Amino acid sequence: MARILLLIPSRTYRTHDFMEAAGRLGVAVVVGSEHRSALAGLMQDRHLRLDFQEVERSTARIVDYSRQHQLTGVVAVDDSGTVLAASAAQALGLPHNPIDAVNAARDKAQMRERFQAAGLAAPAFITVPIDQDPAMIARTLRYPCVVKPLDLSGSQGVIKADDAASFPAVFKRVAAIVAACRPNGVRPAVLVEDFIPGDEVAVEGLLRGGELEVLAIFDKPDPLNGPFFEETMYVTPSRLDPEIQSRITETTSRGAAALGLRDGPVHAELRVNTGGVWMLELAARSIGGLCSRTLRFGSGISLEELILRHAAGLPIPLHQRERQAAGVMMLPISTAGRLRAVEGQAEAKQVPGIDGLVITIPPNEMLTPLPEGDRYLGFMFARGETPAAVESGLRQAHARLRIVVDG
């Protein structure tokens, strides 16, 4: 029986979907996490406590475990485990991404350096230590620009500055977010880059021997023009011209090659404008949150099942994405405070096309909006005959929700 080590951070929404996929496949799962999870008592010798930042020590522990319980694959569920996954797979002689490639995918400055060296259209940038005087930097920049942490995801800490007068306050706010985050090996600096206007898309793909298979291209119907960049909706299939979609696929493939990635899932963000297709970011992991639930392949195969089949070396059946359009809304947090209730859920579910609503933050927890916040209120899913119908359904359903918050 195939045995997969899943590296699951303490805060992730994806444990259930991966475990369910493993059960369908008959794949044994070992959970590696930073803390003793609720699964640990149930799984007995199938749980490893690992520090994802202590890569060398945790790799040695994984290798030692595999001597007694042979592992056939290592999968990182989120960004925080990708470097450890590459290191452990390399030590075990399993298919893997080069460690330096995964490090580059985790550091936005290294990523952009590699994109530019490969001749890809990518934002011009500089890195700035968080203790540098922003007033001096402001005079040297082109505007508008975007200030962001080097390693955070989900648009946390990403803010647009429109001019030199607003830049110091933006820089200080992003620097404070970086300083507040747990140190994770990335130097204490921020990235300042050109703002690229245009339509933004996301690409979900799977690398096998360096060859990219695009599984889906998602449109992001809401304009992402700042000052913050809260992603609220993904809809697939893309409504962009097929020729542009072909260029998006080519650019994503070149981006993965520029980083040196060769194996496993990738998730990319790109922008399209009159200047072409711009490579923004590419991560060595699959789409975050519960967004993967929008994707169904072949006879109902999930994205997690494809990832596990690939990691375990199992046959991968024909898996074209279902013909129906699909989308997800990441429910935004617009007001800070203590969550009391999310009302109107039953009414939202009655909107035609809505086929799922999951609130992921329980009552009485504090809500923090972006850019300081790092999570969404929940996820809502829709399916329909066309992308336009899916988008409309999600917007109608969202309008029926009422978020009750104590300030």
Protein backbone atom coordinates (compact mmCIF):
# COMPACT_ATOMS: atom_id res chain seq x y z
CA MET A 1 0.00 0.00 0.00
CA ALA A 2 1.23 3.49 -0.84
CA ARG A 3 2.02 5.64 2.19
CA ILE A 4 2.06 9.44 1.89
CA LEU A 5 3.38 11.94 4.41
CA LEU A 6 1.10 14.99 4.43
CA LEU A 7 2.73 18.09 5.88
CA ILE A 8 -0.20 19.91 7.44
CA PRO A 9 0.29 23.24 9.24
CA SER A 10 -1.66 23.89 12.41
CA ARG A 11 -3.90 26.39 10.63
CA THR A 12 -5.24 24.97 7.39
CA TYR A 13 -8.69 24.24 6.01
CA ARG A 14 -7.53 21.36 3.82
CA THR A 15 -6.98 18.41 6.14
CA HIS A 16 -10.44 16.93 5.59
CA ASP A 17 -10.28 17.07 1.79
CA PHE A 18 -6.88 15.38 1.62
CA MET A 19 -7.87 12.70 4.13
CA GLU A 20 -11.10 12.03 2.24
CA ALA A 21 -9.18 11.70 -1.04
CA ALA A 22 -6.70 9.31 0.57
CA GLY A 23 -9.57 7.18 1.85
CA ARG A 24 -11.08 6.93 -1.63
CA LEU A 25 -7.71 5.86 -3.04
CA GLY A 26 -6.83 3.42 -0.26
CA VAL A 27 -3.64 5.38 0.42
CA ALA A 28 -2.22 5.31 3.94
CA VAL A 29 -1.59 8.80 5.32
CA VAL A 30 0.98 9.94 7.84
CA VAL A 31 0.32 13.43 9.17
CA GLY A 32 3.28 15.69 9.86
CA SER A 33 2.39 18.84 11.76
CA GLU A 34 3.95 21.41 14.06
CA HIS A 35 1.65 20.59 16.95
CA ARG A 36 -0.05 17.49 18.22
CA SER A 37 -3.24 17.51 16.18
CA ALA A 38 -6.65 16.09 17.01
CA LEU A 39 -5.81 13.28 14.59
CA ALA A 40 -2.71 12.21 16.51
CA GLY A 41 -4.54 10.10 19.08
CA LEU A 42 -6.55 8.36 16.38
CA MET A 43 -3.61 7.72 14.08
CA GLN A 44 -1.13 6.47 16.69
CA ASP A 45 2.09 5.74 14.76
CA ARG A 46 0.87 7.70 11.76
CA HIS A 47 1.56 11.13 13.21
CA LEU A 48 4.89 12.97 13.26
CA ARG A 49 5.44 16.17 15.16
CA LEU A 50 7.67 18.31 12.94
CA ASP A 51 8.97 21.86 13.00
CA PHE A 52 8.64 23.05 9.40
CA GLN A 53 11.29 25.73 9.98
CA GLU A 54 13.87 23.26 11.32
CA VAL A 55 14.27 21.64 7.92
CA GLU A 56 17.44 19.62 8.58
CA ARG A 57 16.27 18.20 11.90
CA SER A 58 12.76 17.45 10.64
CA THR A 59 14.14 15.80 7.50
CA ALA A 60 16.24 13.49 9.65
CA ARG A 61 13.17 12.57 11.68
CA ILE A 62 11.18 11.79 8.52
CA VAL A 63 14.01 9.61 7.17
CA ASP A 64 14.19 7.75 10.46
CA TYR A 65 10.43 7.16 10.41
CA SER A 66 10.58 5.90 6.82
CA ARG A 67 13.06 3.19 7.80
CA GLN A 68 10.27 1.52 9.76
CA HIS A 69 7.27 2.71 7.72
CA GLN A 70 8.36 3.24 4.13
CA LEU A 71 7.02 6.44 2.60
CA THR A 72 6.18 6.64 -1.10
CA GLY A 73 5.59 10.39 -1.27
CA VAL A 74 5.70 13.67 0.65
CA VAL A 75 3.08 16.36 0.02
CA ALA A 76 3.02 19.85 1.51
CA VAL A 77 -0.55 21.07 1.94
CA ASP A 78 0.39 24.76 2.22
CA ASP A 79 3.36 27.08 1.65
CA SER A 80 4.90 26.54 5.06
CA GLY A 81 5.74 22.90 4.36
CA THR A 82 7.06 23.10 0.80
CA VAL A 83 10.76 23.39 1.66
CA LEU A 84 10.60 20.53 4.15
CA ALA A 85 8.71 18.41 1.60
CA ALA A 86 11.45 18.96 -0.99
CA SER A 87 14.20 18.22 1.52
CA ALA A 88 12.56 15.06 2.85
CA ALA A 89 11.72 13.72 -0.63
CA GLN A 90 15.30 14.33 -1.74
CA ALA A 91 16.67 12.47 1.28
CA LEU A 92 14.28 9.56 0.61
CA GLY A 93 15.09 9.40 -3.10
CA LEU A 94 11.52 10.29 -4.09
CA PRO A 95 10.45 12.62 -6.93
CA HIS A 96 10.81 16.18 -5.70
CA ASN A 97 11.42 19.79 -6.52
CA PRO A 98 14.97 21.09 -6.03
CA ILE A 99 15.24 22.74 -2.62
CA ASP A 100 16.66 25.97 -4.04
CA ALA A 101 13.70 26.17 -6.47
CA VAL A 102 11.20 25.86 -3.62
CA ASN A 103 13.13 28.47 -1.62
CA ALA A 104 12.90 30.82 -4.59
CA ALA A 105 9.16 30.22 -4.83
CA ARG A 106 8.82 31.17 -1.13
CA ASP A 107 10.80 34.43 -1.47
CA LYS A 108 9.17 36.99 -3.77
CA ALA A 109 12.47 38.80 -4.47
CA GLN A 110 14.26 35.62 -5.55
CA MET A 111 11.20 34.68 -7.58
CA ARG A 112 11.21 37.94 -9.52
CA GLU A 113 14.95 37.76 -10.10
CA ARG A 114 14.48 34.38 -11.76
CA PHE A 115 11.49 35.54 -13.77
CA GLN A 116 13.43 38.51 -15.09
CA ALA A 117 16.51 36.41 -15.85
CA ALA A 118 14.28 34.11 -17.92
CA GLY A 119 12.97 37.06 -19.93
CA LEU A 120 9.45 36.93 -18.52
CA ALA A 121 7.36 40.06 -18.19
CA ALA A 122 7.37 40.71 -14.44
CA PRO A 123 7.17 43.81 -12.21
CA ALA A 124 10.36 45.78 -11.64
CA PHE A 125 11.19 45.71 -7.92
CA ILE A 126 13.54 46.51 -5.08
CA THR A 127 13.83 45.04 -1.59
CA VAL A 128 13.98 47.38 1.38
CA PRO A 129 14.87 46.53 5.01
CA ILE A 130 11.93 47.27 7.29
CA ASP A 131 14.00 49.66 9.41
CA GLN A 132 14.98 51.91 6.49
CA ASP A 133 13.69 55.51 6.28
CA PRO A 134 10.70 55.35 3.88
CA ALA A 135 10.79 59.09 3.18
CA MET A 136 14.18 58.69 1.49
CA ILE A 137 13.01 55.69 -0.55
CA ALA A 138 9.82 57.45 -1.64
CA ARG A 139 11.75 59.94 -3.78
CA THR A 140 13.39 57.16 -5.82
CA LEU A 141 10.29 55.18 -6.85
CA ARG A 142 7.87 55.07 -9.75
CA TYR A 143 4.18 55.29 -8.90
CA PRO A 144 1.85 53.63 -8.39
CA CYS A 145 3.78 50.88 -6.64
CA VAL A 146 2.91 47.93 -4.43
CA VAL A 147 4.54 47.20 -1.08
CA LYS A 148 4.38 43.60 0.17
CA PRO A 149 6.07 41.10 2.50
CA LEU A 150 8.59 38.75 0.90
CA ASP A 151 6.91 35.54 1.98
CA LEU A 152 3.31 35.97 3.14
CA SER A 153 0.38 34.74 1.06
CA GLY A 154 -3.31 35.44 0.65
CA SER A 155 -2.70 39.18 0.05
CA GLN A 156 -1.73 39.69 3.70
CA GLY A 157 0.33 42.86 4.04
CA VAL A 158 -0.04 43.88 0.38
CA ILE A 159 -0.79 47.60 -0.09
CA LYS A 160 -0.65 49.96 -3.07
CA ALA A 161 0.96 53.39 -2.77
CA ASP A 162 -0.22 55.91 -5.37
CA ASP A 163 2.38 58.62 -4.82
CA ALA A 164 5.42 59.68 -2.81
CA ALA A 165 3.28 61.43 -0.22
CA SER A 166 1.41 58.24 0.70
CA PHE A 167 4.37 55.86 0.47
CA PRO A 168 5.88 56.34 3.98
CA ALA A 169 2.62 55.46 5.75
CA VAL A 170 2.09 52.44 3.48
CA PHE A 171 5.66 51.25 4.04
CA LYS A 172 5.39 51.57 7.83
CA ARG A 173 2.13 49.63 7.87
CA VAL A 174 3.57 46.76 5.83
CA ALA A 175 6.77 46.79 7.90
CA ALA A 176 4.70 46.45 11.08
CA ILE A 177 2.88 43.44 9.63
CA VAL A 178 6.19 41.80 8.70
CA ALA A 179 7.64 42.48 12.16
CA ALA A 180 4.56 41.00 13.85
CA CYS A 181 4.75 37.70 11.96
CA ARG A 182 6.62 34.75 13.40
CA PRO A 183 10.18 34.68 11.99
CA ASN A 184 10.46 32.01 9.34
CA GLY A 185 13.90 32.34 7.85
CA VAL A 186 13.10 35.09 5.34
CA ARG A 187 15.07 38.27 5.91
CA PRO A 188 13.18 41.19 7.55
CA ALA A 189 12.55 43.23 4.44
CA VAL A 190 9.69 44.15 2.14
CA LEU A 191 9.31 44.12 -1.61
CA VAL A 192 8.46 47.33 -3.45
CA GLU A 193 7.40 46.72 -7.05
CA ASP A 194 5.65 48.38 -9.96
CA PHE A 195 1.88 48.09 -9.96
CA ILE A 196 0.77 46.13 -13.03
CA PRO A 197 -2.78 47.06 -14.12
CA GLY A 198 -5.07 44.64 -15.93
CA ASP A 199 -7.16 41.51 -15.49
CA GLU A 200 -5.82 39.02 -12.96
CA VAL A 201 -6.07 35.25 -13.36
CA ALA A 202 -4.96 32.23 -11.36
CA VAL A 203 -3.62 29.01 -12.84
CA GLU A 204 -3.80 25.62 -11.20
CA GLY A 205 -1.35 23.08 -12.59
CA LEU A 206 0.54 19.85 -12.03
CA LEU A 207 4.21 19.37 -12.92
CA ARG A 208 5.44 15.93 -13.96
CA GLY A 209 9.10 15.70 -14.91
CA GLY A 210 9.17 19.43 -15.55
CA GLU A 211 6.20 19.34 -17.93
CA LEU A 212 3.26 21.49 -16.86
CA GLU A 213 -0.31 20.31 -17.20
CA VAL A 214 -2.75 23.17 -16.66
CA LEU A 215 -5.76 21.91 -14.74
CA ALA A 216 -7.73 25.17 -14.66
CA ILE A 217 -7.49 28.87 -15.41
CA PHE A 218 -9.55 31.01 -13.03
CA ASP A 219 -10.78 34.50 -13.81
CA LYS A 220 -10.91 36.95 -10.91
CA PRO A 221 -13.95 39.06 -11.83
CA ASP A 222 -13.46 41.70 -9.13
CA PRO A 223 -10.97 44.45 -10.06
CA LEU A 224 -7.82 44.20 -7.95
CA ASN A 225 -6.56 47.78 -8.13
CA GLY A 226 -5.80 48.50 -4.49
CA PRO A 227 -5.18 49.95 -2.06
CA PHE A 228 -5.60 46.38 -0.78
CA PHE A 229 -5.78 43.22 -2.87
CA GLU A 230 -8.40 41.03 -1.25
CA GLU A 231 -9.21 38.19 -3.64
CA THR A 232 -12.90 37.46 -3.34
CA MET A 233 -13.90 35.35 -6.34
CA TYR A 234 -12.45 32.70 -8.67
CA VAL A 235 -14.48 31.50 -11.67
CA THR A 236 -13.57 28.83 -14.22
CA PRO A 237 -13.44 28.27 -17.16
CA SER A 238 -11.85 31.57 -18.06
CA ARG A 239 -13.78 33.94 -20.30
CA LEU A 240 -10.60 35.29 -21.85
CA ASP A 241 -9.85 34.77 -25.54
CA PRO A 242 -8.41 31.28 -26.23
CA GLU A 243 -5.24 32.81 -27.68
CA ILE A 244 -4.69 34.75 -24.46
CA GLN A 245 -5.34 31.62 -22.42
CA SER A 246 -2.70 29.83 -24.49
CA ARG A 247 -0.23 32.61 -23.65
CA ILE A 248 -1.16 32.33 -19.97
CA THR A 249 -0.39 28.61 -20.08
CA GLU A 250 2.93 29.23 -21.84
CA THR A 251 3.92 31.96 -19.38
CA THR A 252 3.08 29.77 -16.38
CA SER A 253 5.16 26.94 -17.81
CA ARG A 254 8.09 29.31 -18.36
CA GLY A 255 7.66 30.66 -14.83
CA ALA A 256 7.86 27.19 -13.29
CA ALA A 257 10.96 26.43 -15.39
CA ALA A 258 12.55 29.75 -14.40
CA LEU A 259 12.21 28.83 -10.74
CA GLY A 260 13.49 25.30 -11.39
CA LEU A 261 10.31 23.55 -10.24
CA ARG A 262 9.80 20.08 -11.71
CA ASP A 263 7.34 18.04 -9.67
CA GLY A 264 3.94 18.37 -8.07
CA PRO A 265 1.21 21.00 -7.87
CA VAL A 266 1.72 24.67 -8.67
CA HIS A 267 -0.51 27.70 -8.23
CA ALA A 268 0.25 30.84 -10.24
CA GLU A 269 -1.02 34.42 -10.36
CA LEU A 270 -0.75 36.45 -13.58
CA ARG A 271 -2.04 39.72 -15.02
CA VAL A 272 -3.11 40.42 -18.58
CA ASN A 273 -3.08 43.84 -20.21
CA THR A 274 -2.19 45.49 -23.52
CA GLY A 275 1.47 44.92 -22.70
CA GLY A 276 1.02 41.14 -22.61
CA VAL A 277 0.87 38.45 -19.95
CA TRP A 278 2.73 39.30 -16.73
CA MET A 279 4.07 36.67 -14.36
CA LEU A 280 3.35 37.82 -10.81
CA GLU A 281 3.80 34.83 -8.51
CA LEU A 282 4.07 31.05 -8.64
CA ALA A 283 3.89 28.78 -5.61
CA ALA A 284 5.01 25.15 -5.29
CA ARG A 285 1.67 24.02 -3.85
CA SER A 286 -1.96 23.81 -4.84
CA ILE A 287 -4.67 26.44 -4.46
CA GLY A 288 -5.31 27.54 -0.89
CA GLY A 289 -8.24 27.48 1.49
CA LEU A 290 -11.20 25.42 0.34
CA CYS A 291 -11.00 26.78 -3.20
CA SER A 292 -10.04 23.38 -4.62
CA ARG A 293 -13.65 22.28 -4.10
CA THR A 294 -14.54 24.18 -7.27
CA LEU A 295 -12.56 21.63 -9.30
CA ARG A 296 -13.87 18.23 -10.34
CA PHE A 297 -12.20 16.06 -12.94
CA GLY A 298 -13.27 13.03 -14.92
CA SER A 299 -15.85 11.10 -12.95
CA GLY A 300 -15.79 13.35 -9.90
CA ILE A 301 -12.06 13.16 -9.14
CA SER A 302 -10.92 15.93 -6.78
CA LEU A 303 -7.76 18.01 -7.03
CA GLU A 304 -6.48 16.39 -3.83
CA GLU A 305 -6.93 12.95 -5.38
CA LEU A 306 -4.88 13.96 -8.43
CA ILE A 307 -2.13 15.30 -6.17
CA LEU A 308 -2.05 12.13 -4.06
CA ARG A 309 -2.09 9.86 -7.11
CA HIS A 310 0.88 11.75 -8.51
CA ALA A 311 2.82 11.69 -5.22
CA ALA A 312 2.16 7.97 -4.68
CA GLY A 313 3.06 7.01 -8.24
CA LEU A 314 -0.45 5.68 -8.88
CA PRO A 315 -2.04 5.71 -12.35
CA ILE A 316 -3.71 9.01 -13.19
CA PRO A 317 -6.92 8.43 -15.18
CA LEU A 318 -8.29 10.80 -17.79
CA HIS A 319 -9.14 13.92 -15.87
CA GLN A 320 -10.49 16.73 -17.97
CA ARG A 321 -12.23 19.31 -15.80
CA GLU A 322 -16.00 18.95 -15.73
CA ARG A 323 -17.79 20.91 -18.45
CA GLN A 324 -19.95 22.89 -16.03
CA ALA A 325 -18.70 26.31 -14.97
CA ALA A 326 -17.74 26.65 -11.30
CA GLY A 327 -16.64 29.31 -8.89
CA VAL A 328 -15.81 30.13 -5.31
CA MET A 329 -16.19 33.27 -3.25
CA MET A 330 -13.75 33.74 -0.40
CA LEU A 331 -16.01 35.59 2.01
CA PRO A 332 -14.24 38.83 2.91
CA ILE A 333 -13.85 40.23 6.41
CA SER A 334 -14.82 43.88 6.12
CA THR A 335 -15.16 44.86 9.80
CA ALA A 336 -12.88 44.20 12.76
CA GLY A 337 -14.43 42.86 15.94
CA ARG A 338 -15.76 39.74 17.61
CA LEU A 339 -17.92 37.57 15.37
CA ARG A 340 -21.37 36.94 16.77
CA ALA A 341 -23.15 35.31 13.86
CA VAL A 342 -23.39 34.94 10.12
CA GLU A 343 -27.07 35.36 9.37
CA GLY A 344 -28.84 34.67 6.10
CA GLN A 345 -27.04 31.43 5.32
CA ALA A 346 -30.23 29.54 4.51
CA GLU A 347 -31.36 32.32 2.18
CA ALA A 348 -27.96 32.37 0.45
CA LYS A 349 -28.07 28.63 -0.17
CA GLN A 350 -31.43 29.02 -1.92
CA VAL A 351 -29.91 31.09 -4.74
CA PRO A 352 -29.86 28.96 -7.91
CA GLY A 353 -26.45 27.45 -8.57
CA ILE A 354 -25.13 27.71 -5.02
CA ASP A 355 -23.91 24.27 -3.96
CA GLY A 356 -21.93 24.94 -0.82
CA LEU A 357 -21.34 27.44 1.98
CA VAL A 358 -18.78 26.88 4.72
CA ILE A 359 -18.14 29.42 7.49
CA THR A 360 -14.62 28.68 8.72
CA ILE A 361 -14.43 31.12 11.65
CA PRO A 362 -16.55 30.10 14.65
CA PRO A 363 -18.62 32.60 16.68
CA ASN A 364 -16.82 34.62 19.36
CA GLU A 365 -13.50 34.71 17.48
CA MET A 366 -11.96 38.04 16.60
CA LEU A 367 -12.09 39.17 12.97
CA THR A 368 -9.21 41.10 11.42
CA PRO A 369 -9.63 42.52 7.90
CA LEU A 370 -6.85 42.64 5.35
CA PRO A 371 -4.12 43.74 5.07
CA GLU A 372 -3.36 42.75 8.68
CA GLY A 373 -5.67 39.72 8.58
CA ASP A 374 -4.62 36.38 7.16
CA ARG A 375 -7.87 34.49 6.64
CA TYR A 376 -11.36 34.68 5.20
CA LEU A 377 -14.71 34.35 6.94
CA GLY A 378 -15.51 31.29 4.84
CA PHE A 379 -16.09 29.96 1.34
CA MET A 380 -19.15 29.81 -0.89
CA PHE A 381 -19.36 27.64 -4.01
CA ALA A 382 -21.48 27.74 -7.15
CA ARG A 383 -21.94 25.83 -10.38
CA GLY A 384 -23.80 26.77 -13.53
CA GLU A 385 -24.04 26.57 -17.28
CA THR A 386 -21.81 29.61 -17.81
CA PRO A 387 -19.15 31.53 -15.89
CA ALA A 388 -21.45 34.57 -15.94
CA ALA A 389 -24.23 32.58 -14.24
CA VAL A 390 -21.80 31.36 -11.59
CA GLU A 391 -20.55 34.88 -10.88
CA SER A 392 -24.09 36.23 -10.67
CA GLY A 393 -25.16 33.47 -8.29
CA LEU A 394 -22.24 34.08 -5.95
CA ARG A 395 -22.91 37.82 -5.85
CA GLN A 396 -26.63 37.33 -5.17
CA ALA A 397 -25.97 34.82 -2.41
CA HIS A 398 -23.31 36.99 -0.78
CA ALA A 399 -25.76 39.90 -0.69
CA ARG A 400 -28.08 37.78 1.49
CA LEU A 401 -25.47 37.20 4.20
CA ARG A 402 -25.42 39.47 7.24
CA ILE A 403 -22.26 39.47 9.34
CA VAL A 404 -22.97 40.38 12.97
CA VAL A 405 -19.87 41.71 14.72
CA ASP A 406 -19.29 43.31 18.12
CA GLY A 407 -16.82 46.16 17.83
